[in-house]
């Protein structure tokens, strides 16, 4: 408890480098997410971002969305999504985001967060951003930044 992110990165790097079976680390992800402490969520994100697709047995974005509960803190969702992008995985395409955003108001906000990690926006992006339900301070700052960038 209380471990800063740089320390968690170092721990996950050591585990990824020295684990005899990477699939075992992939199996830890749901348990870490279920505990839902800050460090647990960070470690789950680091593993999602850095394990090979064959060890995860699916795309990291799909593995991530299966972890999400009905409503998650947006800061945790953003942190893990940033790790996945930092790990070299491109954010989901427009069709995926649009379909996911139609699931619920929470999912619509998650999709705007995922969209915020892209280098370039598309025409579908503006509609997805502008029609998202109102959120807290973090979400509204991100939305405002995205809408300003669209001009």
N, C-alpha and C. Protein backbone atom coordinates (compact mmCIF):
# COMPACT_ATOMS: atom_id res chain seq x y z
N UNK A 1 0.83 -1.18 0.00
CA UNK A 1 0.00 0.00 0.00
C UNK A 1 0.88 1.24 0.00
N UNK A 2 0.44 2.21 -0.78
CA UNK A 2 1.16 3.47 -0.83
C UNK A 2 2.34 3.47 -1.79
N UNK A 3 2.49 2.42 -2.59
CA UNK A 3 3.61 2.37 -3.54
C UNK A 3 3.36 3.34 -4.69
N UNK A 4 4.32 4.19 -4.99
CA UNK A 4 4.15 5.11 -6.11
C UNK A 4 4.22 4.36 -7.45
N UNK A 5 3.64 4.96 -8.48
CA UNK A 5 3.58 4.33 -9.78
C UNK A 5 4.95 3.91 -10.33
N UNK A 6 6.01 4.75 -10.18
CA UNK A 6 7.32 4.28 -10.68
C UNK A 6 7.77 2.97 -10.03
N UNK A 7 7.48 2.81 -8.75
CA UNK A 7 7.85 1.55 -8.08
C UNK A 7 7.01 0.39 -8.62
N UNK A 8 5.72 0.64 -8.86
CA UNK A 8 4.86 -0.40 -9.41
C UNK A 8 5.31 -0.79 -10.81
N UNK A 9 5.76 0.19 -11.59
CA UNK A 9 6.29 -0.11 -12.92
C UNK A 9 7.51 -1.01 -12.82
N UNK A 10 8.38 -0.71 -11.88
CA UNK A 10 9.59 -1.51 -11.70
C UNK A 10 9.24 -2.93 -11.24
N UNK A 11 8.30 -3.04 -10.33
CA UNK A 11 7.88 -4.37 -9.85
C UNK A 11 7.27 -5.17 -10.99
N UNK A 12 6.38 -4.53 -11.76
CA UNK A 12 5.73 -5.27 -12.87
C UNK A 12 6.76 -5.64 -13.93
N UNK A 13 7.71 -4.77 -14.18
CA UNK A 13 8.77 -5.07 -15.16
C UNK A 13 9.58 -6.29 -14.70
N UNK A 14 9.91 -6.32 -13.43
CA UNK A 14 10.67 -7.45 -12.90
C UNK A 14 9.84 -8.73 -13.04
N UNK A 15 8.56 -8.66 -12.69
CA UNK A 15 7.70 -9.84 -12.78
C UNK A 15 7.56 -10.31 -14.23
N UNK A 16 7.40 -9.37 -15.15
CA UNK A 16 7.27 -9.72 -16.57
C UNK A 16 8.56 -10.34 -17.11
N UNK A 17 9.68 -9.85 -16.63
CA UNK A 17 10.97 -10.35 -17.10
C UNK A 17 11.32 -11.71 -16.50
N UNK A 18 10.98 -11.93 -15.25
CA UNK A 18 11.44 -13.13 -14.55
C UNK A 18 10.39 -14.23 -14.38
N UNK A 19 9.17 -13.98 -14.78
CA UNK A 19 8.14 -15.01 -14.62
C UNK A 19 8.39 -16.16 -15.59
N UNK A 20 8.41 -17.38 -15.10
CA UNK A 20 8.62 -18.51 -15.99
C UNK A 20 7.40 -18.77 -16.89
N UNK A 21 6.23 -18.26 -16.47
CA UNK A 21 5.02 -18.48 -17.25
C UNK A 21 4.20 -17.19 -17.26
N UNK A 22 4.24 -16.48 -18.38
CA UNK A 22 3.53 -15.21 -18.51
C UNK A 22 2.02 -15.38 -18.38
N UNK A 23 1.51 -16.54 -18.75
CA UNK A 23 0.07 -16.80 -18.65
C UNK A 23 -0.39 -16.71 -17.19
N UNK A 24 0.49 -17.08 -16.27
CA UNK A 24 0.17 -16.98 -14.84
C UNK A 24 -0.06 -15.52 -14.45
N UNK A 25 0.75 -14.62 -14.99
CA UNK A 25 0.56 -13.20 -14.71
C UNK A 25 -0.77 -12.71 -15.29
N UNK A 26 -1.11 -13.20 -16.47
CA UNK A 26 -2.38 -12.81 -17.08
C UNK A 26 -3.55 -13.25 -16.21
N UNK A 27 -3.42 -14.41 -15.57
CA UNK A 27 -4.49 -14.90 -14.71
C UNK A 27 -4.62 -14.11 -13.41
N UNK A 28 -3.58 -13.35 -13.06
CA UNK A 28 -3.63 -12.50 -11.87
C UNK A 28 -4.48 -11.25 -12.09
N UNK A 29 -4.63 -10.84 -13.34
CA UNK A 29 -5.29 -9.56 -13.64
C UNK A 29 -6.70 -9.47 -13.05
N UNK A 30 -7.59 -10.44 -13.27
CA UNK A 30 -8.93 -10.32 -12.68
C UNK A 30 -8.91 -10.25 -11.14
N UNK A 31 -8.01 -10.99 -10.51
CA UNK A 31 -7.93 -10.96 -9.05
C UNK A 31 -7.45 -9.59 -8.56
N UNK A 32 -6.48 -9.03 -9.25
CA UNK A 32 -6.01 -7.69 -8.89
C UNK A 32 -7.13 -6.68 -9.05
N UNK A 33 -7.86 -6.77 -10.16
CA UNK A 33 -8.94 -5.82 -10.40
C UNK A 33 -10.05 -5.96 -9.35
N UNK A 34 -10.34 -7.19 -8.97
CA UNK A 34 -11.39 -7.45 -7.99
C UNK A 34 -11.04 -6.82 -6.63
N UNK A 35 -9.77 -6.87 -6.25
CA UNK A 35 -9.34 -6.24 -4.99
C UNK A 35 -9.54 -4.74 -5.05
N UNK A 36 -9.28 -4.18 -6.20
CA UNK A 36 -9.59 -2.79 -6.55
C UNK A 36 -8.89 -1.71 -5.73
N UNK A 37 -7.78 -2.05 -5.10
CA UNK A 37 -6.96 -1.01 -4.49
C UNK A 37 -6.22 -0.24 -5.59
N UNK A 38 -5.73 0.94 -5.29
CA UNK A 38 -5.03 1.74 -6.29
C UNK A 38 -3.86 0.97 -6.90
N UNK A 39 -3.07 0.33 -6.05
CA UNK A 39 -1.92 -0.42 -6.54
C UNK A 39 -2.35 -1.63 -7.35
N UNK A 40 -3.43 -2.28 -6.94
CA UNK A 40 -3.94 -3.45 -7.65
C UNK A 40 -4.37 -3.08 -9.07
N UNK A 41 -5.12 -1.98 -9.18
CA UNK A 41 -5.60 -1.51 -10.48
C UNK A 41 -4.41 -1.13 -11.37
N UNK A 42 -3.43 -0.47 -10.78
CA UNK A 42 -2.23 -0.08 -11.55
C UNK A 42 -1.48 -1.30 -12.07
N UNK A 43 -1.30 -2.29 -11.21
CA UNK A 43 -0.60 -3.51 -11.63
C UNK A 43 -1.39 -4.24 -12.71
N UNK A 44 -2.71 -4.31 -12.57
CA UNK A 44 -3.54 -4.95 -13.59
C UNK A 44 -3.35 -4.23 -14.92
N UNK A 45 -3.34 -2.90 -14.90
CA UNK A 45 -3.14 -2.12 -16.12
C UNK A 45 -1.77 -2.35 -16.73
N UNK A 46 -0.76 -2.41 -15.89
CA UNK A 46 0.60 -2.66 -16.41
C UNK A 46 0.71 -4.04 -17.05
N UNK A 47 0.08 -5.03 -16.46
CA UNK A 47 0.09 -6.37 -17.06
C UNK A 47 -0.71 -6.39 -18.36
N UNK A 48 -1.89 -5.75 -18.36
CA UNK A 48 -2.69 -5.70 -19.59
C UNK A 48 -1.90 -5.07 -20.73
N UNK A 49 -1.17 -4.02 -20.42
CA UNK A 49 -0.44 -3.27 -21.44
C UNK A 49 0.79 -4.00 -21.96
N UNK A 50 1.38 -4.85 -21.14
CA UNK A 50 2.69 -5.38 -21.49
C UNK A 50 2.77 -6.89 -21.72
N UNK A 51 1.71 -7.60 -21.43
CA UNK A 51 1.72 -9.04 -21.73
C UNK A 51 1.41 -9.26 -23.21
N UNK A 52 1.96 -10.31 -23.76
CA UNK A 52 1.70 -10.66 -25.16
C UNK A 52 0.24 -11.06 -25.33
N UNK A 53 -0.28 -10.83 -26.53
CA UNK A 53 -1.67 -11.16 -26.83
C UNK A 53 -1.97 -12.63 -26.56
N UNK A 54 -1.04 -13.51 -26.88
CA UNK A 54 -1.29 -14.94 -26.66
C UNK A 54 -1.35 -15.29 -25.17
N UNK A 55 -0.65 -14.52 -24.32
CA UNK A 55 -0.73 -14.75 -22.88
C UNK A 55 -2.03 -14.22 -22.30
N UNK A 56 -2.50 -13.10 -22.84
CA UNK A 56 -3.79 -12.55 -22.41
C UNK A 56 -4.96 -13.35 -22.97
N UNK A 57 -4.73 -14.02 -24.09
CA UNK A 57 -5.74 -14.81 -24.80
C UNK A 57 -6.78 -13.92 -25.47
N UNK A 58 -6.52 -12.62 -25.55
CA UNK A 58 -7.39 -11.69 -26.25
C UNK A 58 -6.71 -10.33 -26.33
N UNK A 59 -7.30 -9.45 -27.11
CA UNK A 59 -6.81 -8.08 -27.23
C UNK A 59 -6.87 -7.42 -25.85
N UNK A 60 -5.88 -6.60 -25.48
CA UNK A 60 -5.91 -5.99 -24.15
C UNK A 60 -7.13 -5.11 -23.90
N UNK A 61 -7.64 -4.46 -24.95
CA UNK A 61 -8.85 -3.65 -24.77
C UNK A 61 -10.04 -4.52 -24.40
N UNK A 62 -10.16 -5.68 -25.04
CA UNK A 62 -11.26 -6.59 -24.72
C UNK A 62 -11.09 -7.14 -23.30
N UNK A 63 -9.87 -7.50 -22.96
CA UNK A 63 -9.64 -7.98 -21.59
C UNK A 63 -9.99 -6.89 -20.58
N UNK A 64 -9.64 -5.65 -20.91
CA UNK A 64 -9.93 -4.53 -20.01
C UNK A 64 -11.42 -4.31 -19.84
N UNK A 65 -12.16 -4.27 -20.93
CA UNK A 65 -13.59 -3.98 -20.79
C UNK A 65 -14.33 -5.08 -20.04
N UNK A 66 -13.80 -6.30 -20.09
CA UNK A 66 -14.43 -7.37 -19.31
C UNK A 66 -14.20 -7.21 -17.81
N UNK A 67 -13.20 -6.43 -17.44
CA UNK A 67 -12.93 -6.17 -16.02
C UNK A 67 -13.85 -5.09 -15.45
N UNK A 68 -14.28 -4.18 -16.31
CA UNK A 68 -15.03 -3.03 -15.84
C UNK A 68 -16.38 -3.44 -15.26
N UNK A 69 -16.66 -2.89 -14.11
CA UNK A 69 -17.94 -3.13 -13.44
C UNK A 69 -18.95 -2.09 -13.94
N UNK A 70 -20.11 -2.07 -13.33
CA UNK A 70 -21.16 -1.16 -13.76
C UNK A 70 -20.67 0.29 -13.78
N UNK A 71 -20.00 0.71 -12.73
CA UNK A 71 -19.47 2.07 -12.68
C UNK A 71 -18.11 2.03 -11.99
N UNK A 72 -17.12 2.49 -12.70
CA UNK A 72 -15.76 2.54 -12.18
C UNK A 72 -15.35 4.00 -12.03
N UNK A 73 -14.40 4.29 -11.13
CA UNK A 73 -13.86 5.65 -11.07
C UNK A 73 -13.19 5.98 -12.42
N UNK A 74 -13.55 7.10 -13.00
CA UNK A 74 -13.01 7.45 -14.31
C UNK A 74 -11.49 7.59 -14.28
N UNK A 75 -10.94 8.01 -13.15
CA UNK A 75 -9.48 8.14 -13.06
C UNK A 75 -8.81 6.78 -13.20
N UNK A 76 -9.40 5.73 -12.65
CA UNK A 76 -8.84 4.38 -12.77
C UNK A 76 -8.95 3.88 -14.20
N UNK A 77 -10.09 4.12 -14.84
CA UNK A 77 -10.29 3.72 -16.23
C UNK A 77 -9.27 4.43 -17.12
N UNK A 78 -9.10 5.72 -16.89
CA UNK A 78 -8.15 6.50 -17.69
C UNK A 78 -6.72 6.01 -17.48
N UNK A 79 -6.35 5.74 -16.24
CA UNK A 79 -4.99 5.28 -15.96
C UNK A 79 -4.67 3.98 -16.69
N UNK A 80 -5.59 3.02 -16.64
CA UNK A 80 -5.36 1.73 -17.30
C UNK A 80 -5.35 1.91 -18.82
N UNK A 81 -6.28 2.70 -19.34
CA UNK A 81 -6.32 2.95 -20.78
C UNK A 81 -5.03 3.61 -21.25
N UNK A 82 -4.50 4.54 -20.48
CA UNK A 82 -3.22 5.18 -20.83
C UNK A 82 -2.10 4.16 -20.87
N UNK A 83 -2.10 3.23 -19.92
CA UNK A 83 -1.06 2.19 -19.90
C UNK A 83 -1.16 1.31 -21.14
N UNK A 84 -2.37 0.97 -21.54
CA UNK A 84 -2.55 0.12 -22.72
C UNK A 84 -2.01 0.83 -23.96
N UNK A 85 -2.31 2.10 -24.09
CA UNK A 85 -1.80 2.87 -25.24
C UNK A 85 -0.28 3.00 -25.13
N UNK A 86 0.23 3.28 -23.93
CA UNK A 86 1.67 3.39 -23.72
C UNK A 86 2.37 2.08 -24.05
N UNK A 87 1.66 0.96 -23.88
CA UNK A 87 2.20 -0.36 -24.20
C UNK A 87 2.23 -0.67 -25.69
N UNK A 88 1.79 0.30 -26.51
CA UNK A 88 1.87 0.14 -27.96
C UNK A 88 0.59 -0.34 -28.63
N UNK A 89 -0.50 -0.39 -27.90
CA UNK A 89 -1.78 -0.84 -28.46
C UNK A 89 -2.60 0.38 -28.86
N UNK A 90 -3.09 0.40 -30.10
CA UNK A 90 -3.88 1.53 -30.56
C UNK A 90 -5.25 1.50 -29.90
N UNK A 91 -5.80 2.70 -29.71
CA UNK A 91 -7.12 2.77 -29.09
C UNK A 91 -8.17 2.19 -30.04
N UNK A 92 -9.28 1.75 -29.51
CA UNK A 92 -10.31 1.12 -30.35
C UNK A 92 -10.79 2.04 -31.48
N UNK A 93 -11.27 1.42 -32.57
CA UNK A 93 -11.73 2.20 -33.71
C UNK A 93 -13.10 2.81 -33.44
N UNK A 94 -13.54 3.69 -34.37
CA UNK A 94 -14.81 4.41 -34.19
C UNK A 94 -16.00 3.48 -34.03
N UNK A 95 -16.06 2.45 -34.84
CA UNK A 95 -17.21 1.54 -34.78
C UNK A 95 -17.31 0.88 -33.41
N UNK A 96 -16.18 0.44 -32.90
CA UNK A 96 -16.12 -0.19 -31.57
C UNK A 96 -16.58 0.80 -30.51
N UNK A 97 -16.05 2.02 -30.57
CA UNK A 97 -16.40 3.04 -29.57
C UNK A 97 -17.88 3.40 -29.63
N UNK A 98 -18.41 3.56 -30.83
CA UNK A 98 -19.83 3.91 -30.97
C UNK A 98 -20.71 2.80 -30.41
N UNK A 99 -20.40 1.55 -30.76
CA UNK A 99 -21.18 0.42 -30.26
C UNK A 99 -21.09 0.33 -28.74
N UNK A 100 -19.91 0.49 -28.20
CA UNK A 100 -19.73 0.40 -26.74
C UNK A 100 -20.43 1.56 -26.04
N UNK A 101 -20.40 2.74 -26.63
CA UNK A 101 -21.01 3.92 -26.00
C UNK A 101 -22.52 3.79 -25.87
N UNK A 102 -23.11 2.95 -26.69
CA UNK A 102 -24.57 2.77 -26.65
C UNK A 102 -25.02 1.84 -25.53
N UNK A 103 -24.08 1.22 -24.82
CA UNK A 103 -24.42 0.27 -23.77
C UNK A 103 -25.02 0.94 -22.53
N UNK A 104 -24.46 2.09 -22.15
CA UNK A 104 -24.94 2.80 -20.96
C UNK A 104 -24.27 4.17 -20.90
N UNK A 105 -24.79 5.06 -20.04
CA UNK A 105 -24.13 6.36 -19.88
C UNK A 105 -22.69 6.23 -19.40
N UNK A 106 -22.42 5.26 -18.51
CA UNK A 106 -21.05 5.06 -18.03
C UNK A 106 -20.14 4.64 -19.17
N UNK A 107 -20.62 3.73 -20.00
CA UNK A 107 -19.82 3.27 -21.14
C UNK A 107 -19.56 4.41 -22.12
N UNK A 108 -20.54 5.28 -22.27
CA UNK A 108 -20.36 6.43 -23.16
C UNK A 108 -19.19 7.27 -22.65
N UNK A 109 -19.14 7.50 -21.35
CA UNK A 109 -18.03 8.27 -20.78
C UNK A 109 -16.70 7.52 -20.92
N UNK A 110 -16.71 6.21 -20.69
CA UNK A 110 -15.48 5.44 -20.87
C UNK A 110 -14.95 5.60 -22.30
N UNK A 111 -15.86 5.55 -23.27
CA UNK A 111 -15.45 5.65 -24.67
C UNK A 111 -14.86 7.02 -24.99
N UNK A 112 -15.39 8.07 -24.37
CA UNK A 112 -14.79 9.40 -24.56
C UNK A 112 -13.38 9.40 -23.98
N UNK A 113 -13.18 8.77 -22.84
CA UNK A 113 -11.83 8.67 -22.27
C UNK A 113 -10.90 7.93 -23.22
N UNK A 114 -11.37 6.81 -23.79
CA UNK A 114 -10.54 6.06 -24.73
C UNK A 114 -10.21 6.92 -25.94
N UNK A 115 -11.19 7.68 -26.39
CA UNK A 115 -11.02 8.55 -27.53
C UNK A 115 -9.99 9.64 -27.24
N UNK A 116 -9.93 10.09 -26.01
CA UNK A 116 -9.00 11.17 -25.64
C UNK A 116 -7.55 10.74 -25.78
N UNK A 117 -7.30 9.44 -25.87
CA UNK A 117 -5.93 8.94 -25.97
C UNK A 117 -5.43 8.83 -27.40
N UNK A 118 -6.29 9.12 -28.35
CA UNK A 118 -5.90 9.06 -29.76
C UNK A 118 -5.09 10.28 -30.15
N UNK A 119 -4.22 10.10 -31.12
CA UNK A 119 -3.45 11.22 -31.66
C UNK A 119 -4.32 12.08 -32.57
N UNK A 120 -5.21 11.44 -33.32
CA UNK A 120 -6.07 12.15 -34.26
C UNK A 120 -7.52 11.78 -34.02
N UNK A 121 -8.40 12.75 -34.20
CA UNK A 121 -9.82 12.51 -34.04
C UNK A 121 -10.47 12.36 -35.42
N UNK A 122 -11.67 11.80 -35.45
CA UNK A 122 -12.41 11.64 -36.69
C UNK A 122 -13.76 12.35 -36.57
N UNK A 123 -14.54 12.34 -37.63
CA UNK A 123 -15.85 12.97 -37.61
C UNK A 123 -16.76 12.36 -36.56
N UNK A 124 -16.67 11.04 -36.39
CA UNK A 124 -17.51 10.36 -35.39
C UNK A 124 -17.11 10.78 -33.98
N UNK A 125 -15.88 11.20 -33.81
CA UNK A 125 -15.38 11.58 -32.50
C UNK A 125 -16.17 12.73 -31.90
N UNK A 126 -16.39 13.77 -32.69
CA UNK A 126 -17.06 14.97 -32.18
C UNK A 126 -18.45 14.63 -31.66
N UNK A 127 -19.20 13.82 -32.42
CA UNK A 127 -20.54 13.45 -31.99
C UNK A 127 -20.49 12.64 -30.69
N UNK A 128 -19.58 11.70 -30.61
CA UNK A 128 -19.45 10.87 -29.41
C UNK A 128 -19.12 11.75 -28.19
N UNK A 129 -18.24 12.72 -28.38
CA UNK A 129 -17.83 13.60 -27.29
C UNK A 129 -18.97 14.52 -26.87
N UNK A 130 -19.60 15.15 -27.84
CA UNK A 130 -20.63 16.15 -27.51
C UNK A 130 -21.91 15.54 -26.94
N UNK A 131 -22.20 14.29 -27.27
CA UNK A 131 -23.43 13.67 -26.78
C UNK A 131 -23.24 12.86 -25.49
N UNK A 132 -22.02 12.80 -25.00
CA UNK A 132 -21.76 12.05 -23.76
C UNK A 132 -22.48 12.69 -22.59
N UNK A 133 -22.98 11.87 -21.65
CA UNK A 133 -23.63 12.44 -20.47
C UNK A 133 -22.65 13.24 -19.64
N UNK A 134 -23.18 14.23 -18.95
CA UNK A 134 -22.36 15.07 -18.10
C UNK A 134 -21.67 14.22 -17.05
N UNK A 135 -20.42 14.58 -16.77
CA UNK A 135 -19.64 13.84 -15.79
C UNK A 135 -19.04 14.75 -14.75
N UNK A 136 -18.15 14.21 -13.98
CA UNK A 136 -17.47 14.97 -12.94
C UNK A 136 -16.42 15.91 -13.52
N UNK A 137 -15.66 16.51 -12.64
CA UNK A 137 -14.67 17.52 -13.03
C UNK A 137 -13.64 16.96 -14.01
N UNK A 138 -13.07 15.79 -13.72
CA UNK A 138 -12.07 15.19 -14.60
C UNK A 138 -12.65 14.96 -15.99
N UNK A 139 -13.82 14.37 -16.05
CA UNK A 139 -14.44 14.06 -17.34
C UNK A 139 -14.71 15.35 -18.12
N UNK A 140 -15.25 16.34 -17.47
CA UNK A 140 -15.60 17.58 -18.16
C UNK A 140 -14.36 18.33 -18.65
N UNK A 141 -13.26 18.26 -17.91
CA UNK A 141 -12.00 18.87 -18.39
C UNK A 141 -11.52 18.17 -19.65
N UNK A 142 -11.61 16.84 -19.66
CA UNK A 142 -11.18 16.07 -20.83
C UNK A 142 -12.10 16.38 -22.02
N UNK A 143 -13.40 16.41 -21.78
CA UNK A 143 -14.34 16.71 -22.86
C UNK A 143 -14.07 18.09 -23.44
N UNK A 144 -13.89 19.08 -22.57
CA UNK A 144 -13.63 20.44 -23.03
C UNK A 144 -12.36 20.51 -23.88
N UNK A 145 -11.31 19.84 -23.42
CA UNK A 145 -10.05 19.82 -24.17
C UNK A 145 -10.25 19.18 -25.55
N UNK A 146 -11.00 18.09 -25.59
CA UNK A 146 -11.25 17.42 -26.86
C UNK A 146 -12.07 18.30 -27.82
N UNK A 147 -13.09 18.96 -27.29
CA UNK A 147 -13.93 19.80 -28.14
C UNK A 147 -13.16 21.01 -28.66
N UNK A 148 -12.29 21.58 -27.84
CA UNK A 148 -11.46 22.70 -28.29
C UNK A 148 -10.48 22.23 -29.36
N UNK A 149 -9.91 21.05 -29.18
CA UNK A 149 -8.97 20.50 -30.17
C UNK A 149 -9.63 20.21 -31.51
N UNK A 150 -10.93 19.97 -31.51
CA UNK A 150 -11.66 19.67 -32.73
C UNK A 150 -11.81 20.89 -33.62
N UNK A 151 -11.71 22.09 -33.06
CA UNK A 151 -11.91 23.31 -33.86
C UNK A 151 -10.70 23.63 -34.70
